[in-house]
Structures are given as structure tokens and as C-alpha cells.
Amino acid sequence: METKKRSIAKAISWRIIATAITTALAMGLTGEWQFAATIGLADTTLKFFVYFSHERLWNRITYGREVKQPEYFI
């Protein structure tokens, strides 16, 4: 299970990458830097919280996790 700090760090690092992509795409489509930056900021704000919640929810789901076996049995 991951800590909340690790989930936040992952969310921030991913949002930096995703914001750059969204802003560049909006800039390419509209040609307006300020509008593209606004879209990028709004997208980042919303998706940061959605990603964090999604990550924390998956920490509660055991599907696909390997069960750790004890190192020894008595």
C-alpha cells in the first residue's frame, strides 16, 4: 500500500506532464497562449483531485495484488 505523500507526488509529477500536453494542444488548436494556459490550469486542477481519489481508491482494492508469504512458518 502506498502512502498519501507518495500518491500526491505521483499525481503532481503526472499533472506537470499532462498540463504541458494539454496546453500545447490547446495552443496548437487556438493559437491563443492565454486561452491555452487557462485550459491547462483548469484541466490540471480538476484532474489532480480526480487522479488522487482514483489512486487512493485502488489502494483499497486487492485485485491483482500478490499476497506476501511469511519468510518462515512455525
PDB file of N, CA and C in Angstrom:
ATOM      1  N   MET A   1       0.849  -1.176   0.000  1.00  0.00           N
ATOM      2  CA  MET A   1       0.000   0.000   0.000  1.00  0.00           C
ATOM      3  C   MET A   1       0.895   1.241   0.000  1.00  0.00           C
ATOM      4  N   GLU A   2       0.511   2.231  -0.773  1.00  0.00           N
ATOM      5  CA  GLU A   2       1.297   3.452  -0.869  1.00  0.00           C
ATOM      6  C   GLU A   2       0.831   4.484   0.149  1.00  0.00           C
ATOM      7  N   THR A   3       1.756   5.360   0.520  1.00  0.00           N
ATOM      8  CA  THR A   3       1.400   6.432   1.442  1.00  0.00           C
ATOM      9  C   THR A   3       0.695   7.550   0.681  1.00  0.00           C
ATOM     10  N   LYS A   4       0.011   8.400   1.419  1.00  0.00           N
ATOM     11  CA  LYS A   4      -0.655   9.548   0.798  1.00  0.00           C
ATOM     12  C   LYS A   4       0.370  10.485   0.157  1.00  0.00           C
ATOM     13  N   LYS A   5       1.527  10.644   0.797  1.00  0.00           N
ATOM     14  CA  LYS A   5       2.572  11.518   0.251  1.00  0.00           C
ATOM     15  C   LYS A   5       3.048  11.009  -1.108  1.00  0.00           C
ATOM     16  N   ARG A   6       3.212   9.678  -1.227  1.00  0.00           N
ATOM     17  CA  ARG A   6       3.646   9.107  -2.500  1.00  0.00           C
ATOM     18  C   ARG A   6       2.569   9.307  -3.561  1.00  0.00           C
ATOM     19  N   SER A   7       1.308   9.113  -3.190  1.00  0.00           N
ATOM     20  CA  SER A   7       0.211   9.332  -4.140  1.00  0.00           C
ATOM     21  C   SER A   7       0.168  10.783  -4.605  1.00  0.00           C
ATOM     22  N   ILE A   8       0.389  11.710  -3.692  1.00  0.00           N
ATOM     23  CA  ILE A   8       0.407  13.131  -4.058  1.00  0.00           C
ATOM     24  C   ILE A   8       1.585  13.431  -4.988  1.00  0.00           C
ATOM     25  N   ALA A   9       2.760  12.890  -4.681  1.00  0.00           N
ATOM     26  CA  ALA A   9       3.940  13.118  -5.525  1.00  0.00           C
ATOM     27  C   ALA A   9       3.710  12.570  -6.929  1.00  0.00           C
ATOM     28  N   LYS A  10       3.112  11.392  -7.035  1.00  0.00           N
ATOM     29  CA  LYS A  10       2.821  10.808  -8.338  1.00  0.00           C
ATOM     30  C   LYS A  10       1.804  11.659  -9.088  1.00  0.00           C
ATOM     31  N   ALA A  11       0.792  12.136  -8.383  1.00  0.00           N
ATOM     32  CA  ALA A  11      -0.229  12.967  -9.018  1.00  0.00           C
ATOM     33  C   ALA A  11       0.378  14.268  -9.539  1.00  0.00           C
ATOM     34  N   ILE A  12       1.234  14.884  -8.755  1.00  0.00           N
ATOM     35  CA  ILE A  12       1.867  16.144  -9.174  1.00  0.00           C
ATOM     36  C   ILE A  12       2.772  15.926 -10.379  1.00  0.00           C
ATOM     37  N   SER A  13       3.602  14.891 -10.338  1.00  0.00           N
ATOM     38  CA  SER A  13       4.512  14.666 -11.461  1.00  0.00           C
ATOM     39  C   SER A  13       3.746  14.360 -12.743  1.00  0.00           C
ATOM     40  N   TRP A  14       2.685  13.582 -12.638  1.00  0.00           N
ATOM     41  CA  TRP A  14       1.887  13.275 -13.824  1.00  0.00           C
ATOM     42  C   TRP A  14       1.173  14.524 -14.334  1.00  0.00           C
ATOM     43  N   ARG A  15       0.644  15.344 -13.431  1.00  0.00           N
ATOM     44  CA  ARG A  15      -0.097  16.540 -13.856  1.00  0.00           C
ATOM     45  C   ARG A  15       0.823  17.541 -14.553  1.00  0.00           C
ATOM     46  N   ILE A  16       2.076  17.610 -14.173  1.00  0.00           N
ATOM     47  CA  ILE A  16       3.015  18.508 -14.868  1.00  0.00           C
ATOM     48  C   ILE A  16       3.133  18.087 -16.327  1.00  0.00           C
ATOM     49  N   ILE A  17       3.307  16.793 -16.550  1.00  0.00           N
ATOM     50  CA  ILE A  17       3.406  16.277 -17.915  1.00  0.00           C
ATOM     51  C   ILE A  17       2.100  16.486 -18.672  1.00  0.00           C
ATOM     52  N   ALA A  18       0.993  16.118 -18.053  1.00  0.00           N
ATOM     53  CA  ALA A  18      -0.307  16.218 -18.713  1.00  0.00           C
ATOM     54  C   ALA A  18      -0.697  17.672 -18.998  1.00  0.00           C
ATOM     55  N   THR A  19      -0.348  18.588 -18.102  1.00  0.00           N
ATOM     56  CA  THR A  19      -0.654  20.002 -18.316  1.00  0.00           C
ATOM     57  C   THR A  19       0.111  20.549 -19.515  1.00  0.00           C
ATOM     58  N   ALA A  20       1.366  20.170 -19.621  1.00  0.00           N
ATOM     59  CA  ALA A  20       2.166  20.613 -20.766  1.00  0.00           C
ATOM     60  C   ALA A  20       1.557  20.122 -22.076  1.00  0.00           C
ATOM     61  N   ILE A  21       1.094  18.878 -22.088  1.00  0.00           N
ATOM     62  CA  ILE A  21       0.470  18.322 -23.289  1.00  0.00           C
ATOM     63  C   ILE A  21      -0.833  19.042 -23.612  1.00  0.00           C
ATOM     64  N   THR A  22      -1.686  19.218 -22.605  1.00  0.00           N
ATOM     65  CA  THR A  22      -2.982  19.888 -22.819  1.00  0.00           C
ATOM     66  C   THR A  22      -2.792  21.323 -23.280  1.00  0.00           C
ATOM     67  N   THR A  23      -1.872  22.045 -22.645  1.00  0.00           N
ATOM     68  CA  THR A  23      -1.632  23.440 -23.012  1.00  0.00           C
ATOM     69  C   THR A  23      -1.078  23.542 -24.428  1.00  0.00           C
ATOM     70  N   ALA A  24      -0.148  22.660 -24.775  1.00  0.00           N
ATOM     71  CA  ALA A  24       0.421  22.672 -26.130  1.00  0.00           C
ATOM     72  C   ALA A  24      -0.647  22.347 -27.173  1.00  0.00           C
ATOM     73  N   LEU A  25      -1.501  21.404 -26.867  1.00  0.00           N
ATOM     74  CA  LEU A  25      -2.578  21.043 -27.789  1.00  0.00           C
ATOM     75  C   LEU A  25      -3.558  22.208 -27.961  1.00  0.00           C
ATOM     76  N   ALA A  26      -3.956  22.831 -26.852  1.00  0.00           N
ATOM     77  CA  ALA A  26      -4.872  23.974 -26.923  1.00  0.00           C
ATOM     78  C   ALA A  26      -4.228  25.135 -27.674  1.00  0.00           C
ATOM     79  N   MET A  27      -2.946  25.350 -27.472  1.00  0.00           N
ATOM     80  CA  MET A  27      -2.223  26.413 -28.178  1.00  0.00           C
ATOM     81  C   MET A  27      -2.199  26.123 -29.676  1.00  0.00           C
ATOM     82  N   GLY A  28      -1.943  24.868 -30.012  1.00  0.00           N
ATOM     83  CA  GLY A  28      -1.910  24.486 -31.419  1.00  0.00           C
ATOM     84  C   GLY A  28      -3.255  24.635 -32.104  1.00  0.00           C
ATOM     85  N   LEU A  29      -4.325  24.356 -31.365  1.00  0.00           N
ATOM     86  CA  LEU A  29      -5.666  24.434 -31.950  1.00  0.00           C
ATOM     87  C   LEU A  29      -6.221  25.859 -32.012  1.00  0.00           C
ATOM     88  N   THR A  30      -5.911  26.660 -30.982  1.00  0.00           N
ATOM     89  CA  THR A  30      -6.496  28.006 -30.927  1.00  0.00           C
ATOM     90  C   THR A  30      -5.528  29.106 -31.343  1.00  0.00           C
ATOM     91  N   GLY A  31      -4.231  28.873 -31.150  1.00  0.00           N
ATOM     92  CA  GLY A  31      -3.249  29.900 -31.447  1.00  0.00           C
ATOM     93  C   GLY A  31      -3.210  31.001 -30.406  1.00  0.00           C
ATOM     94  N   GLU A  32      -3.944  30.830 -29.315  1.00  0.00           N
ATOM     95  CA  GLU A  32      -4.003  31.837 -28.258  1.00  0.00           C
ATOM     96  C   GLU A  32      -3.348  31.298 -26.989  1.00  0.00           C
ATOM     97  N   TRP A  33      -2.222  31.883 -26.622  1.00  0.00           N
ATOM     98  CA  TRP A  33      -1.456  31.414 -25.484  1.00  0.00           C
ATOM     99  C   TRP A  33      -2.227  31.539 -24.171  1.00  0.00           C
ATOM    100  N   GLN A  34      -2.857  32.677 -23.919  1.00  0.00           N
ATOM    101  CA  GLN A  34      -3.560  32.893 -22.648  1.00  0.00           C
ATOM    102  C   GLN A  34      -4.727  31.918 -22.503  1.00  0.00           C
ATOM    103  N   PHE A  35      -5.490  31.713 -23.557  1.00  0.00           N
ATOM    104  CA  PHE A  35      -6.602  30.770 -23.522  1.00  0.00           C
ATOM    105  C   PHE A  35      -6.085  29.346 -23.286  1.00  0.00           C
ATOM    106  N   ALA A  36      -4.995  28.986 -23.944  1.00  0.00           N
ATOM    107  CA  ALA A  36      -4.400  27.662 -23.781  1.00  0.00           C
ATOM    108  C   ALA A  36      -3.937  27.447 -22.343  1.00  0.00           C
ATOM    109  N   ALA A  37      -3.338  28.473 -21.752  1.00  0.00           N
ATOM    110  CA  ALA A  37      -2.887  28.376 -20.358  1.00  0.00           C
ATOM    111  C   ALA A  37      -4.065  28.227 -19.407  1.00  0.00           C
ATOM    112  N   THR A  38      -5.158  28.918 -19.674  1.00  0.00           N
ATOM    113  CA  THR A  38      -6.364  28.808 -18.849  1.00  0.00           C
ATOM    114  C   THR A  38      -6.929  27.394 -18.918  1.00  0.00           C
ATOM    115  N   ILE A  39      -6.994  26.842 -20.099  1.00  0.00           N
ATOM    116  CA  ILE A  39      -7.470  25.469 -20.269  1.00  0.00           C
ATOM    117  C   ILE A  39      -6.551  24.507 -19.517  1.00  0.00           C
ATOM    118  N   GLY A  40      -5.248  24.677 -19.661  1.00  0.00           N
ATOM    119  CA  GLY A  40      -4.289  23.825 -18.974  1.00  0.00           C
ATOM    120  C   GLY A  40      -4.421  23.874 -17.467  1.00  0.00           C
ATOM    121  N   LEU A  41      -4.616  25.073 -16.917  1.00  0.00           N
ATOM    122  CA  LEU A  41      -4.765  25.238 -15.471  1.00  0.00           C
ATOM    123  C   LEU A  41      -6.065  24.611 -14.970  1.00  0.00           C
ATOM    124  N   ALA A  42      -7.165  24.850 -15.670  1.00  0.00           N
ATOM    125  CA  ALA A  42      -8.454  24.279 -15.266  1.00  0.00           C
ATOM    126  C   ALA A  42      -8.408  22.746 -15.337  1.00  0.00           C
ATOM    127  N   ASP A  43      -7.824  22.233 -16.400  1.00  0.00           N
ATOM    128  CA  ASP A  43      -7.694  20.790 -16.580  1.00  0.00           C
ATOM    129  C   ASP A  43      -6.862  20.184 -15.452  1.00  0.00           C
ATOM    130  N   THR A  44      -5.768  20.809 -15.123  1.00  0.00           N
ATOM    131  CA  THR A  44      -4.890  20.308 -14.071  1.00  0.00           C
ATOM    132  C   THR A  44      -5.570  20.303 -12.714  1.00  0.00           C
ATOM    133  N   THR A  45      -6.239  21.380 -12.389  1.00  0.00           N
ATOM    134  CA  THR A  45      -6.904  21.480 -11.087  1.00  0.00           C
ATOM    135  C   THR A  45      -7.922  20.364 -10.904  1.00  0.00           C
ATOM    136  N   LEU A  46      -8.767  20.177 -11.877  1.00  0.00           N
ATOM    137  CA  LEU A  46      -9.800  19.148 -11.781  1.00  0.00           C
ATOM    138  C   LEU A  46      -9.189  17.749 -11.765  1.00  0.00           C
ATOM    139  N   LYS A  47      -8.314  17.478 -12.703  1.00  0.00           N
ATOM    140  CA  LYS A  47      -7.783  16.125 -12.840  1.00  0.00           C
ATOM    141  C   LYS A  47      -6.822  15.728 -11.735  1.00  0.00           C
ATOM    142  N   PHE A  48      -6.201  16.685 -11.068  1.00  0.00           N
ATOM    143  CA  PHE A  48      -5.344  16.356  -9.927  1.00  0.00           C
ATOM    144  C   PHE A  48      -6.159  15.658  -8.848  1.00  0.00           C
ATOM    145  N   PHE A  49      -7.294  16.247  -8.514  1.00  0.00           N
ATOM    146  CA  PHE A  49      -8.126  15.667  -7.460  1.00  0.00           C
ATOM    147  C   PHE A  49      -8.774  14.353  -7.894  1.00  0.00           C
ATOM    148  N   VAL A  50      -9.143  14.254  -9.144  1.00  0.00           N
ATOM    149  CA  VAL A  50      -9.715  13.007  -9.658  1.00  0.00           C
ATOM    150  C   VAL A  50      -8.663  11.897  -9.617  1.00  0.00           C
ATOM    151  N   TYR A  51      -7.438  12.191 -10.062  1.00  0.00           N
ATOM    152  CA  TYR A  51      -6.371  11.190 -10.053  1.00  0.00           C
ATOM    153  C   TYR A  51      -6.039  10.745  -8.630  1.00  0.00           C
ATOM    154  N   PHE A  52      -5.918  11.688  -7.715  1.00  0.00           N
ATOM    155  CA  PHE A  52      -5.584  11.360  -6.331  1.00  0.00           C
ATOM    156  C   PHE A  52      -6.644  10.441  -5.736  1.00  0.00           C
ATOM    157  N   SER A  53      -7.910  10.764  -5.959  1.00  0.00           N
ATOM    158  CA  SER A  53      -9.008   9.935  -5.452  1.00  0.00           C
ATOM    159  C   SER A  53      -8.972   8.550  -6.082  1.00  0.00           C
ATOM    160  N   HIS A  54      -8.727   8.485  -7.363  1.00  0.00           N
ATOM    161  CA  HIS A  54      -8.638   7.208  -8.077  1.00  0.00           C
ATOM    162  C   HIS A  54      -7.501   6.356  -7.519  1.00  0.00           C
ATOM    163  N   GLU A  55      -6.366   6.967  -7.296  1.00  0.00           N
ATOM    164  CA  GLU A  55      -5.193   6.266  -6.751  1.00  0.00           C
ATOM    165  C   GLU A  55      -5.492   5.714  -5.363  1.00  0.00           C
ATOM    166  N   ARG A  56      -6.108   6.521  -4.515  1.00  0.00           N
ATOM    167  CA  ARG A  56      -6.402   6.084  -3.151  1.00  0.00           C
ATOM    168  C   ARG A  56      -7.457   4.976  -3.152  1.00  0.00           C
ATOM    169  N   LEU A  57      -8.417   5.048  -4.045  1.00  0.00           N
ATOM    170  CA  LEU A  57      -9.435   4.001  -4.155  1.00  0.00           C
ATOM    171  C   LEU A  57      -8.782   2.674  -4.537  1.00  0.00           C
ATOM    172  N   TRP A  58      -7.879   2.697  -5.504  1.00  0.00           N
ATOM    173  CA  TRP A  58      -7.207   1.472  -5.937  1.00  0.00           C
ATOM    174  C   TRP A  58      -6.338   0.872  -4.829  1.00  0.00           C
ATOM    175  N   ASN A  59      -5.885   1.677  -3.880  1.00  0.00           N
ATOM    176  CA  ASN A  59      -5.131   1.128  -2.752  1.00  0.00           C
ATOM    177  C   ASN A  59      -6.003   0.250  -1.865  1.00  0.00           C
ATOM    178  N   ARG A  60      -7.314   0.422  -1.931  1.00  0.00           N
ATOM    179  CA  ARG A  60      -8.244  -0.379  -1.134  1.00  0.00           C
ATOM    180  C   ARG A  60      -8.668  -1.657  -1.846  1.00  0.00           C
ATOM    181  N   ILE A  61      -8.376  -1.767  -3.116  1.00  0.00           N
ATOM    182  CA  ILE A  61      -8.801  -2.916  -3.911  1.00  0.00           C
ATOM    183  C   ILE A  61      -7.657  -3.927  -3.961  1.00  0.00           C
ATOM    184  N   THR A  62      -7.944  -5.174  -3.660  1.00  0.00           N
ATOM    185  CA  THR A  62      -6.894  -6.194  -3.617  1.00  0.00           C
ATOM    186  C   THR A  62      -6.704  -6.888  -4.953  1.00  0.00           C
ATOM    187  N   TYR A  63      -7.547  -6.635  -5.922  1.00  0.00           N
ATOM    188  CA  TYR A  63      -7.458  -7.295  -7.221  1.00  0.00           C
ATOM    189  C   TYR A  63      -6.057  -7.126  -7.831  1.00  0.00           C
ATOM    190  N   GLY A  64      -5.459  -8.249  -8.221  1.00  0.00           N
ATOM    191  CA  GLY A  64      -4.174  -8.214  -8.901  1.00  0.00           C
ATOM    192  C   GLY A  64      -2.958  -8.097  -8.005  1.00  0.00           C
ATOM    193  N   ARG A  65      -3.150  -7.997  -6.726  1.00  0.00           N
ATOM    194  CA  ARG A  65      -2.018  -7.912  -5.806  1.00  0.00           C
ATOM    195  C   ARG A  65      -1.563  -9.312  -5.428  1.00  0.00           C
ATOM    196  N   GLU A  66      -0.285  -9.447  -5.270  1.00  0.00           N
ATOM    197  CA  GLU A  66       0.264 -10.709  -4.797  1.00  0.00           C
ATOM    198  C   GLU A  66       0.221 -10.719  -3.275  1.00  0.00           C
ATOM    199  N   VAL A  67      -0.162 -11.840  -2.732  1.00  0.00           N
ATOM    200  CA  VAL A  67      -0.206 -11.980  -1.282  1.00  0.00           C
ATOM    201  C   VAL A  67       1.197 -12.329  -0.804  1.00  0.00           C
ATOM    202  N   LYS A  68       1.710 -11.527   0.104  1.00  0.00           N
ATOM    203  CA  LYS A  68       3.051 -11.781   0.630  1.00  0.00           C
ATOM    204  C   LYS A  68       3.003 -12.982   1.567  1.00  0.00           C
ATOM    205  N   GLN A  69       3.895 -13.914   1.333  1.00  0.00           N
ATOM    206  CA  GLN A  69       4.015 -15.080   2.191  1.00  0.00           C
ATOM    207  C   GLN A  69       5.025 -14.768   3.286  1.00  0.00           C
ATOM    208  N   PRO A  70       4.782 -15.295   4.479  1.00  0.00           N
ATOM    209  CA  PRO A  70       5.776 -15.075   5.532  1.00  0.00           C
ATOM    210  C   PRO A  70       7.102 -15.726   5.154  1.00  0.00           C
ATOM    211  N   GLU A  71       8.180 -15.181   5.705  1.00  0.00           N
ATOM    212  CA  GLU A  71       9.501 -15.716   5.378  1.00  0.00           C
ATOM    213  C   GLU A  71       9.709 -17.106   5.967  1.00  0.00           C
ATOM    214  N   TYR A  72       8.962 -17.416   6.999  1.00  0.00           N
ATOM    215  CA  TYR A  72       9.093 -18.744   7.603  1.00  0.00           C
ATOM    216  C   TYR A  72       7.763 -19.137   8.236  1.00  0.00           C
ATOM    217  N   PHE A  73       7.594 -20.404   8.437  1.00  0.00           N
ATOM    218  CA  PHE A  73       6.406 -20.940   9.098  1.00  0.00           C
ATOM    219  C   PHE A  73       6.830 -21.658  10.371  1.00  0.00           C
ATOM    220  N   ILE A  74       5.998 -21.563  11.394  1.00  0.00           N
ATOM    221  CA  ILE A  74       6.285 -22.278  12.647  1.00  0.00           C
ATOM    222  C   ILE A  74       5.335 -23.451  12.757  1.00  0.00           C
TER     223      ILE A  74
END
